[in-house]
Amino acid sequence: MTGQVAGVEHFVIKVANNKVGLIICKGGETIKICKKRLERVFM
C-alpha cells in the first residue's frame, strides 16, 4: 500500500451502505467527536 507513514496504524471497516448513517450519526456528530479526541492526543 502506498502512502503509509511509519508509526501510524491504518485500518478499514467495511459497512453496508444502509448502515453508514448509524456510524456517522445526525449532523456528523460521531466524526466530530473522533476528530476532537484525536486533536487532544496529538496536541
Protein backbone atom coordinates (compact mmCIF):
# COMPACT_ATOMS: atom_id res chain seq x y z
CA MET A 1 0.00 0.00 0.00
CA THR A 2 1.41 3.41 -0.90
CA GLY A 3 1.32 6.50 1.27
CA GLN A 4 1.96 4.74 4.56
CA VAL A 5 3.61 6.67 7.38
CA ALA A 6 5.93 4.99 9.89
CA GLY A 7 4.31 4.52 13.30
CA VAL A 8 0.77 5.12 12.04
CA GLU A 9 -1.89 2.44 12.22
CA HIS A 10 -4.40 2.19 9.42
CA PHE A 11 -7.48 0.02 9.28
CA VAL A 12 -10.56 -0.31 7.11
CA ILE A 13 -14.00 -1.24 8.32
CA LYS A 14 -16.49 -2.28 5.68
CA VAL A 15 -20.01 -1.06 6.37
CA ALA A 16 -23.16 -1.76 4.40
CA ASN A 17 -24.49 1.32 2.59
CA ASN A 18 -27.71 1.25 4.57
CA LYS A 19 -25.78 1.33 7.90
CA VAL A 20 -23.36 4.20 7.21
CA GLY A 21 -25.74 6.72 8.76
CA LEU A 22 -25.63 4.79 12.03
CA ILE A 23 -21.88 5.34 12.25
CA ILE A 24 -21.80 8.97 11.10
CA CYS A 25 -24.92 9.93 13.11
CA LYS A 26 -27.06 13.01 12.71
CA GLY A 27 -25.03 16.05 11.68
CA GLY A 28 -21.78 14.06 11.67
CA GLU A 29 -21.60 14.01 15.48
CA THR A 30 -19.56 10.79 15.68
CA ILE A 31 -16.99 12.16 13.24
CA LYS A 32 -16.79 15.46 15.19
CA ILE A 33 -16.23 13.59 18.48
CA CYS A 34 -13.48 11.43 16.96
CA LYS A 35 -11.77 14.48 15.49
CA LYS A 36 -11.82 16.31 18.85
CA ARG A 37 -10.37 13.28 20.65
CA LEU A 38 -7.60 12.91 18.07
CA GLU A 39 -6.74 16.61 18.29
CA ARG A 40 -6.28 16.23 22.05
CA VAL A 41 -3.99 13.24 21.57
CA PHE A 42 -1.75 14.95 19.01
CA MET A 43 -1.52 18.44 20.52
